[in-house]
Amino acid sequence: MNIHIGSDHAGFLLKEDIKYNLTKNNEYNLIDHGTFTQDSVDYPDFAKSVSKEVLQDNNSIGILICGTGIGISIVANKIKGIRCALCLNEKMAELSRQHNNANILALGARFGKNGDNITNDNFEKYSNDILKIINKFIKTPFSNEERHINRIKKFEI
């Protein structure tokens, strides 16, 4: 499976940590859309880049990261065909795939699942939580139930 990943400067360190953890077993092919430094950048550029590639690559998902995950998910969801879900825990990741057939996972790099601030002191614990969310998102298939298919058809306005 291809995973297209992108972040702004606030999400850079988390993106690098995710890349390391998801590629160490050669299970996934990660395509990094940037940013490649902690210099200030505009998150819409990375949301657009990842979203366009996910639409063109049927055997892929996307992961987008900014400070809160909110802005980058808003931009991604403006692109027709993208269903980007900001998930704070494993259950949200599971349901976003099962019910909404989400194709991009949005994550916040500055806040944990309970709203706690992420610092260098607690980054490792947060990183483990994020990896659980990502794994649940990757491994959960769409339910393909008619009721969910009908609802997804109504997403486009």
N, C-alpha and C. Protein backbone atom coordinates (compact mmCIF):
# COMPACT_ATOMS: atom_id res chain seq x y z
N MET A 1 0.84 -1.18 0.00
CA MET A 1 0.00 0.00 0.00
C MET A 1 0.88 1.24 0.00
N ASN A 2 0.50 2.22 -0.80
CA ASN A 2 1.17 3.51 -0.81
C ASN A 2 0.52 4.43 0.20
N ILE A 3 1.34 5.14 0.93
CA ILE A 3 0.86 6.14 1.87
C ILE A 3 1.51 7.46 1.50
N HIS A 4 0.69 8.42 1.10
CA HIS A 4 1.16 9.77 0.80
C HIS A 4 1.06 10.58 2.08
N ILE A 5 2.17 11.19 2.48
CA ILE A 5 2.22 11.91 3.75
C ILE A 5 2.74 13.32 3.53
N GLY A 6 2.16 14.25 4.26
CA GLY A 6 2.61 15.64 4.18
C GLY A 6 2.28 16.38 5.45
N SER A 7 3.08 17.40 5.72
CA SER A 7 2.86 18.21 6.92
C SER A 7 3.37 19.61 6.69
N ASP A 8 2.92 20.50 7.56
CA ASP A 8 3.54 21.82 7.61
C ASP A 8 4.67 21.76 8.64
N HIS A 9 5.24 22.91 8.96
CA HIS A 9 6.36 22.97 9.90
C HIS A 9 5.99 22.46 11.29
N ALA A 10 4.75 22.70 11.73
CA ALA A 10 4.33 22.25 13.05
C ALA A 10 4.26 20.73 13.13
N GLY A 11 3.98 20.09 12.02
CA GLY A 11 3.87 18.64 11.99
C GLY A 11 5.11 17.92 11.53
N PHE A 12 6.17 18.66 11.23
CA PHE A 12 7.37 18.06 10.65
C PHE A 12 7.96 16.93 11.50
N LEU A 13 8.18 17.17 12.78
CA LEU A 13 8.81 16.14 13.63
C LEU A 13 7.92 14.90 13.76
N LEU A 14 6.62 15.10 13.89
CA LEU A 14 5.71 13.96 13.96
C LEU A 14 5.72 13.20 12.63
N LYS A 15 5.75 13.91 11.52
CA LYS A 15 5.80 13.26 10.20
C LYS A 15 7.04 12.39 10.09
N GLU A 16 8.17 12.92 10.51
CA GLU A 16 9.41 12.15 10.43
C GLU A 16 9.35 10.91 11.31
N ASP A 17 8.75 11.04 12.49
CA ASP A 17 8.60 9.90 13.39
C ASP A 17 7.67 8.84 12.77
N ILE A 18 6.59 9.27 12.16
CA ILE A 18 5.66 8.35 11.50
C ILE A 18 6.36 7.64 10.35
N LYS A 19 7.09 8.39 9.55
CA LYS A 19 7.82 7.77 8.43
C LYS A 19 8.77 6.69 8.92
N TYR A 20 9.51 6.99 9.95
CA TYR A 20 10.47 6.02 10.50
C TYR A 20 9.74 4.74 10.94
N ASN A 21 8.68 4.92 11.72
CA ASN A 21 7.97 3.77 12.28
C ASN A 21 7.21 2.95 11.24
N LEU A 22 6.68 3.59 10.22
CA LEU A 22 5.91 2.85 9.22
C LEU A 22 6.78 2.19 8.16
N THR A 23 8.02 2.63 8.03
CA THR A 23 8.88 2.05 6.99
C THR A 23 9.92 1.08 7.53
N LYS A 24 10.07 0.99 8.84
CA LYS A 24 11.14 0.14 9.38
C LYS A 24 10.94 -1.34 9.08
N ASN A 25 9.73 -1.78 8.83
CA ASN A 25 9.48 -3.19 8.48
C ASN A 25 9.20 -3.39 7.00
N ASN A 26 9.39 -2.34 6.21
CA ASN A 26 9.14 -2.38 4.77
C ASN A 26 7.73 -2.83 4.41
N GLU A 27 6.79 -2.53 5.29
CA GLU A 27 5.40 -2.94 5.06
C GLU A 27 4.67 -1.96 4.14
N TYR A 28 5.05 -0.69 4.18
CA TYR A 28 4.36 0.34 3.41
C TYR A 28 5.36 1.14 2.59
N ASN A 29 4.88 1.68 1.50
CA ASN A 29 5.66 2.58 0.67
C ASN A 29 5.19 4.01 0.98
N LEU A 30 6.01 4.78 1.68
CA LEU A 30 5.64 6.15 2.02
C LEU A 30 6.20 7.12 1.00
N ILE A 31 5.35 8.00 0.52
CA ILE A 31 5.75 9.05 -0.40
C ILE A 31 5.61 10.37 0.36
N ASP A 32 6.72 11.02 0.61
CA ASP A 32 6.76 12.23 1.42
C ASP A 32 6.60 13.45 0.53
N HIS A 33 5.55 14.21 0.78
CA HIS A 33 5.25 15.43 0.01
C HIS A 33 5.76 16.68 0.70
N GLY A 34 6.52 16.50 1.79
CA GLY A 34 7.07 17.66 2.49
C GLY A 34 6.19 18.05 3.64
N THR A 35 6.60 19.01 4.33
CA THR A 35 7.76 19.85 4.25
C THR A 35 8.97 19.07 4.73
N PHE A 36 10.13 19.58 4.41
CA PHE A 36 11.36 18.85 4.70
C PHE A 36 12.23 19.56 5.74
N THR A 37 11.70 20.62 6.34
CA THR A 37 12.40 21.35 7.41
C THR A 37 11.35 21.89 8.37
N GLN A 38 11.81 22.50 9.44
CA GLN A 38 10.89 23.14 10.39
C GLN A 38 10.69 24.62 10.07
N ASP A 39 11.16 25.07 8.91
CA ASP A 39 10.92 26.45 8.49
C ASP A 39 9.44 26.65 8.20
N SER A 40 8.92 27.80 8.53
CA SER A 40 7.51 28.10 8.36
C SER A 40 7.05 27.95 6.91
N VAL A 41 5.95 27.22 6.72
CA VAL A 41 5.36 27.00 5.40
C VAL A 41 3.84 27.08 5.54
N ASP A 42 3.14 27.01 4.41
CA ASP A 42 1.69 27.08 4.40
C ASP A 42 1.09 25.68 4.21
N TYR A 43 0.33 25.22 5.19
CA TYR A 43 -0.22 23.86 5.15
C TYR A 43 -1.13 23.57 3.95
N PRO A 44 -1.83 24.54 3.37
CA PRO A 44 -2.66 24.20 2.21
C PRO A 44 -1.88 23.58 1.05
N ASP A 45 -0.64 23.98 0.88
CA ASP A 45 0.17 23.43 -0.21
C ASP A 45 0.34 21.92 -0.06
N PHE A 46 0.53 21.45 1.15
CA PHE A 46 0.77 20.03 1.39
C PHE A 46 -0.53 19.24 1.38
N ALA A 47 -1.60 19.86 1.84
CA ALA A 47 -2.92 19.22 1.77
C ALA A 47 -3.30 18.97 0.32
N LYS A 48 -3.06 19.94 -0.53
CA LYS A 48 -3.40 19.79 -1.95
C LYS A 48 -2.53 18.74 -2.62
N SER A 49 -1.26 18.74 -2.34
CA SER A 49 -0.34 17.79 -2.96
C SER A 49 -0.70 16.35 -2.61
N VAL A 50 -0.90 16.08 -1.33
CA VAL A 50 -1.24 14.73 -0.89
C VAL A 50 -2.61 14.33 -1.44
N SER A 51 -3.58 15.22 -1.38
CA SER A 51 -4.93 14.90 -1.85
C SER A 51 -4.95 14.54 -3.32
N LYS A 52 -4.26 15.29 -4.13
CA LYS A 52 -4.23 15.01 -5.57
C LYS A 52 -3.62 13.64 -5.85
N GLU A 53 -2.59 13.28 -5.13
CA GLU A 53 -1.95 11.97 -5.34
C GLU A 53 -2.84 10.83 -4.87
N VAL A 54 -3.53 11.02 -3.75
CA VAL A 54 -4.44 9.97 -3.25
C VAL A 54 -5.55 9.73 -4.27
N LEU A 55 -6.04 10.78 -4.90
CA LEU A 55 -7.08 10.62 -5.91
C LEU A 55 -6.58 9.86 -7.14
N GLN A 56 -5.32 10.06 -7.49
CA GLN A 56 -4.76 9.40 -8.68
C GLN A 56 -4.29 7.98 -8.39
N ASP A 57 -4.00 7.67 -7.16
CA ASP A 57 -3.45 6.37 -6.78
C ASP A 57 -4.50 5.60 -5.98
N ASN A 58 -5.25 4.73 -6.66
CA ASN A 58 -6.35 4.02 -6.03
C ASN A 58 -5.92 3.11 -4.88
N ASN A 59 -4.68 2.67 -4.89
CA ASN A 59 -4.19 1.78 -3.84
C ASN A 59 -3.39 2.58 -2.81
N SER A 60 -3.97 3.67 -2.35
CA SER A 60 -3.25 4.52 -1.41
C SER A 60 -4.20 5.17 -0.42
N ILE A 61 -3.58 5.68 0.62
CA ILE A 61 -4.26 6.57 1.56
C ILE A 61 -3.32 7.75 1.80
N GLY A 62 -3.81 8.76 2.49
CA GLY A 62 -2.99 9.90 2.83
C GLY A 62 -2.97 10.14 4.33
N ILE A 63 -1.89 10.77 4.76
CA ILE A 63 -1.78 11.24 6.15
C ILE A 63 -1.32 12.69 6.08
N LEU A 64 -2.08 13.57 6.72
CA LEU A 64 -1.77 14.99 6.73
C LEU A 64 -1.63 15.46 8.18
N ILE A 65 -0.63 16.31 8.43
CA ILE A 65 -0.36 16.75 9.79
C ILE A 65 -0.11 18.26 9.80
N CYS A 66 -0.79 18.95 10.69
CA CYS A 66 -0.46 20.34 11.00
C CYS A 66 -0.56 20.48 12.51
N GLY A 67 -0.51 21.67 13.04
CA GLY A 67 -0.51 21.86 14.48
C GLY A 67 -1.70 21.22 15.16
N THR A 68 -2.90 21.47 14.65
CA THR A 68 -4.12 20.90 15.23
C THR A 68 -4.74 19.81 14.38
N GLY A 69 -4.41 19.77 13.10
CA GLY A 69 -5.05 18.85 12.17
C GLY A 69 -6.30 19.46 11.54
N ILE A 70 -6.75 20.57 12.08
CA ILE A 70 -8.01 21.17 11.62
C ILE A 70 -7.85 21.84 10.26
N GLY A 71 -6.91 22.78 10.16
CA GLY A 71 -6.75 23.53 8.91
C GLY A 71 -6.44 22.63 7.73
N ILE A 72 -5.53 21.70 7.93
CA ILE A 72 -5.09 20.84 6.84
C ILE A 72 -6.23 19.93 6.38
N SER A 73 -7.10 19.52 7.32
CA SER A 73 -8.25 18.68 6.94
C SER A 73 -9.31 19.49 6.20
N ILE A 74 -9.49 20.74 6.58
CA ILE A 74 -10.45 21.59 5.88
C ILE A 74 -10.04 21.76 4.43
N VAL A 75 -8.77 22.03 4.19
CA VAL A 75 -8.29 22.20 2.82
C VAL A 75 -8.47 20.91 2.03
N ALA A 76 -8.06 19.79 2.60
CA ALA A 76 -8.17 18.51 1.88
C ALA A 76 -9.62 18.21 1.50
N ASN A 77 -10.55 18.49 2.40
CA ASN A 77 -11.95 18.18 2.15
C ASN A 77 -12.61 19.09 1.11
N LYS A 78 -11.94 20.13 0.70
CA LYS A 78 -12.45 20.97 -0.37
C LYS A 78 -12.20 20.35 -1.75
N ILE A 79 -11.38 19.32 -1.79
CA ILE A 79 -11.02 18.67 -3.05
C ILE A 79 -11.99 17.53 -3.30
N LYS A 80 -12.68 17.58 -4.43
CA LYS A 80 -13.70 16.59 -4.77
C LYS A 80 -13.10 15.19 -4.75
N GLY A 81 -13.76 14.30 -4.02
CA GLY A 81 -13.32 12.92 -3.93
C GLY A 81 -12.51 12.61 -2.69
N ILE A 82 -12.11 13.63 -1.98
CA ILE A 82 -11.34 13.42 -0.75
C ILE A 82 -12.31 13.37 0.43
N ARG A 83 -12.06 12.41 1.29
CA ARG A 83 -12.80 12.27 2.54
C ARG A 83 -11.73 12.19 3.64
N CYS A 84 -11.40 13.35 4.17
CA CYS A 84 -10.33 13.47 5.16
C CYS A 84 -10.95 13.53 6.55
N ALA A 85 -10.45 12.67 7.44
CA ALA A 85 -10.98 12.61 8.79
C ALA A 85 -9.90 12.98 9.81
N LEU A 86 -10.21 13.95 10.64
CA LEU A 86 -9.34 14.30 11.76
C LEU A 86 -9.69 13.36 12.91
N CYS A 87 -8.78 12.48 13.24
CA CYS A 87 -9.04 11.44 14.24
C CYS A 87 -8.16 11.64 15.46
N LEU A 88 -8.78 11.61 16.63
CA LEU A 88 -8.07 11.81 17.89
C LEU A 88 -7.85 10.50 18.64
N ASN A 89 -8.48 9.43 18.17
CA ASN A 89 -8.33 8.14 18.83
C ASN A 89 -8.59 7.02 17.82
N GLU A 90 -8.35 5.80 18.26
CA GLU A 90 -8.49 4.64 17.38
C GLU A 90 -9.92 4.42 16.92
N LYS A 91 -10.90 4.65 17.79
CA LYS A 91 -12.30 4.44 17.42
C LYS A 91 -12.72 5.39 16.30
N MET A 92 -12.28 6.64 16.39
CA MET A 92 -12.60 7.59 15.32
C MET A 92 -11.97 7.14 14.01
N ALA A 93 -10.74 6.65 14.07
CA ALA A 93 -10.06 6.17 12.87
C ALA A 93 -10.81 4.99 12.27
N GLU A 94 -11.22 4.07 13.13
CA GLU A 94 -11.96 2.89 12.67
C GLU A 94 -13.27 3.27 11.99
N LEU A 95 -14.05 4.12 12.64
CA LEU A 95 -15.35 4.50 12.10
C LEU A 95 -15.23 5.37 10.86
N SER A 96 -14.18 6.19 10.80
CA SER A 96 -14.00 7.02 9.60
C SER A 96 -13.77 6.16 8.37
N ARG A 97 -13.13 5.02 8.54
CA ARG A 97 -12.90 4.08 7.43
C ARG A 97 -14.15 3.24 7.19
N GLN A 98 -14.73 2.64 8.24
CA GLN A 98 -15.88 1.75 8.09
C GLN A 98 -17.10 2.46 7.52
N HIS A 99 -17.41 3.62 8.05
CA HIS A 99 -18.66 4.30 7.69
C HIS A 99 -18.50 5.35 6.60
N ASN A 100 -17.35 6.02 6.57
CA ASN A 100 -17.18 7.15 5.65
C ASN A 100 -16.20 6.89 4.52
N ASN A 101 -15.56 5.71 4.54
CA ASN A 101 -14.55 5.36 3.54
C ASN A 101 -13.51 6.48 3.41
N ALA A 102 -13.08 7.02 4.55
CA ALA A 102 -12.09 8.10 4.55
C ALA A 102 -10.84 7.63 3.82
N ASN A 103 -10.27 8.53 3.01
CA ASN A 103 -9.05 8.18 2.28
C ASN A 103 -7.84 8.98 2.75
N ILE A 104 -8.05 9.92 3.65
CA ILE A 104 -6.94 10.66 4.25
C ILE A 104 -7.20 10.81 5.75
N LEU A 105 -6.16 10.58 6.52
CA LEU A 105 -6.19 10.75 7.97
C LEU A 105 -5.48 12.06 8.29
N ALA A 106 -6.16 12.94 9.04
CA ALA A 106 -5.54 14.18 9.50
C ALA A 106 -5.18 14.03 10.97
N LEU A 107 -4.03 14.56 11.33
CA LEU A 107 -3.53 14.49 12.69
C LEU A 107 -3.03 15.85 13.16
N GLY A 108 -3.16 16.10 14.44
CA GLY A 108 -2.61 17.32 15.04
C GLY A 108 -1.32 16.99 15.77
N ALA A 109 -0.31 17.80 15.59
CA ALA A 109 0.99 17.54 16.19
C ALA A 109 1.19 18.24 17.53
N ARG A 110 0.33 19.17 17.87
CA ARG A 110 0.56 19.96 19.09
C ARG A 110 -0.31 19.54 20.27
N PHE A 111 -1.32 18.70 20.02
CA PHE A 111 -2.25 18.33 21.08
C PHE A 111 -2.50 16.84 21.09
N GLY A 112 -2.53 16.25 22.29
CA GLY A 112 -2.83 14.84 22.44
C GLY A 112 -4.33 14.59 22.41
N LYS A 113 -4.70 13.33 22.57
CA LYS A 113 -6.10 12.95 22.43
C LYS A 113 -7.00 13.58 23.50
N ASN A 114 -6.45 14.01 24.62
CA ASN A 114 -7.24 14.66 25.66
C ASN A 114 -7.06 16.17 25.67
N GLY A 115 -6.47 16.70 24.62
CA GLY A 115 -6.23 18.12 24.54
C GLY A 115 -4.96 18.58 25.22
N ASP A 116 -4.19 17.63 25.76
CA ASP A 116 -2.95 17.99 26.43
C ASP A 116 -1.90 18.44 25.42
N ASN A 117 -1.08 19.41 25.83
CA ASN A 117 -0.03 19.91 24.95
C ASN A 117 1.06 18.87 24.78
N ILE A 118 1.53 18.74 23.56
CA ILE A 118 2.62 17.81 23.27
C ILE A 118 3.94 18.55 23.45
N THR A 119 4.83 17.95 24.23
CA THR A 119 6.15 18.53 24.47
C THR A 119 7.20 17.46 24.20
N ASN A 120 8.46 17.84 24.25
CA ASN A 120 9.53 16.86 24.09
C ASN A 120 9.47 15.79 25.18
N ASP A 121 8.98 16.15 26.36
CA ASP A 121 8.92 15.21 27.48
C ASP A 121 7.88 14.11 27.28
N ASN A 122 6.79 14.41 26.61
CA ASN A 122 5.75 13.39 26.45
C ASN A 122 5.56 12.97 24.98
N PHE A 123 6.46 13.38 24.12
CA PHE A 123 6.32 13.08 22.69
C PHE A 123 6.27 11.59 22.41
N GLU A 124 7.09 10.81 23.13
CA GLU A 124 7.14 9.36 22.87
C GLU A 124 5.79 8.70 23.13
N LYS A 125 5.12 9.06 24.21
CA LYS A 125 3.81 8.49 24.50
C LYS A 125 2.81 8.91 23.44
N TYR A 126 2.85 10.17 23.07
CA TYR A 126 1.95 10.65 22.03
C TYR A 126 2.23 9.95 20.71
N SER A 127 3.48 9.75 20.41
CA SER A 127 3.86 9.06 19.19
C SER A 127 3.26 7.66 19.16
N ASN A 128 3.29 6.96 20.28
CA ASN A 128 2.71 5.62 20.34
C ASN A 128 1.19 5.66 20.11
N ASP A 129 0.52 6.66 20.69
CA ASP A 129 -0.92 6.82 20.47
C ASP A 129 -1.21 7.07 19.00
N ILE A 130 -0.43 7.94 18.38
CA ILE A 130 -0.62 8.26 16.96
C ILE A 130 -0.42 7.03 16.09
N LEU A 131 0.59 6.23 16.38
CA LEU A 131 0.83 5.02 15.60
C LEU A 131 -0.34 4.05 15.71
N LYS A 132 -0.96 3.97 16.87
CA LYS A 132 -2.15 3.12 17.03
C LYS A 132 -3.31 3.64 16.17
N ILE A 133 -3.48 4.95 16.15
CA ILE A 133 -4.53 5.56 15.32
C ILE A 133 -4.27 5.27 13.84
N ILE A 134 -3.03 5.46 13.42
CA ILE A 134 -2.67 5.23 12.02
C ILE A 134 -2.88 3.76 11.65
N ASN A 135 -2.43 2.85 12.49
CA ASN A 135 -2.60 1.43 12.19
C ASN A 135 -4.07 1.04 12.09
N LYS A 136 -4.90 1.59 12.96
CA LYS A 136 -6.34 1.31 12.90
C LYS A 136 -6.92 1.86 11.59
N PHE A 137 -6.49 3.05 11.20
CA PHE A 137 -6.97 3.66 9.95
C PHE A 137 -6.56 2.81 8.75
N ILE A 138 -5.31 2.39 8.72
CA ILE A 138 -4.79 1.61 7.59
C ILE A 138 -5.48 0.25 7.49
N LYS A 139 -5.66 -0.41 8.60
CA LYS A 139 -6.12 -1.80 8.60
C LYS A 139 -7.64 -1.97 8.57
N THR A 140 -8.39 -0.90 8.77
CA THR A 140 -9.85 -1.00 8.78
C THR A 140 -10.40 -0.79 7.38
N PRO A 141 -11.14 -1.77 6.86
CA PRO A 141 -11.74 -1.61 5.53
C PRO A 141 -13.08 -0.87 5.60
N PHE A 142 -13.50 -0.35 4.49
CA PHE A 142 -14.83 0.23 4.36
C PHE A 142 -15.85 -0.90 4.47
N SER A 143 -16.95 -0.67 5.17
CA SER A 143 -17.94 -1.72 5.41
C SER A 143 -18.68 -2.12 4.13
N ASN A 144 -18.75 -1.21 3.17
CA ASN A 144 -19.45 -1.46 1.90
C ASN A 144 -20.94 -1.71 2.09
N GLU A 145 -21.47 -1.30 3.23
CA GLU A 145 -22.91 -1.42 3.47
C GLU A 145 -23.64 -0.36 2.66
N GLU A 146 -24.80 -0.74 2.14
CA GLU A 146 -25.57 0.16 1.27
C GLU A 146 -25.90 1.49 1.96
N ARG A 147 -26.23 1.43 3.25
CA ARG A 147 -26.57 2.67 3.95
C ARG A 147 -25.39 3.64 3.98
N HIS A 148 -24.17 3.13 4.11
CA HIS A 148 -22.99 3.99 4.12
C HIS A 148 -22.66 4.48 2.71
N ILE A 149 -22.82 3.61 1.73
CA ILE A 149 -22.60 4.01 0.34
C ILE A 149 -23.55 5.15 -0.03
N ASN A 150 -24.81 5.02 0.33
CA ASN A 150 -25.81 6.06 0.03
C ASN A 150 -25.47 7.38 0.72
N ARG A 151 -24.97 7.31 1.92
CA ARG A 151 -24.60 8.54 2.64
C ARG A 151 -23.39 9.20 2.01
N ILE A 152 -22.42 8.41 1.62
CA ILE A 152 -21.21 8.97 1.00
C ILE A 152 -21.56 9.66 -0.31
N LYS A 153 -22.51 9.10 -1.05
CA LYS A 153 -22.94 9.73 -2.31
C LYS A 153 -23.49 11.13 -2.07
N LYS A 154 -24.00 11.38 -0.87
CA LYS A 154 -24.56 12.69 -0.54
C LYS A 154 -23.52 13.70 -0.07
N PHE A 155 -22.27 13.26 0.06
CA PHE A 155 -21.21 14.16 0.51
C PHE A 155 -20.98 15.30 -0.47
N GLU A 156 -21.02 14.99 -1.76
CA GLU A 156 -20.75 16.00 -2.79
C GLU A 156 -21.92 16.99 -2.85
N ILE A 157 -21.59 18.27 -2.77
CA ILE A 157 -22.64 19.30 -2.81
C ILE A 157 -22.51 20.10 -4.09
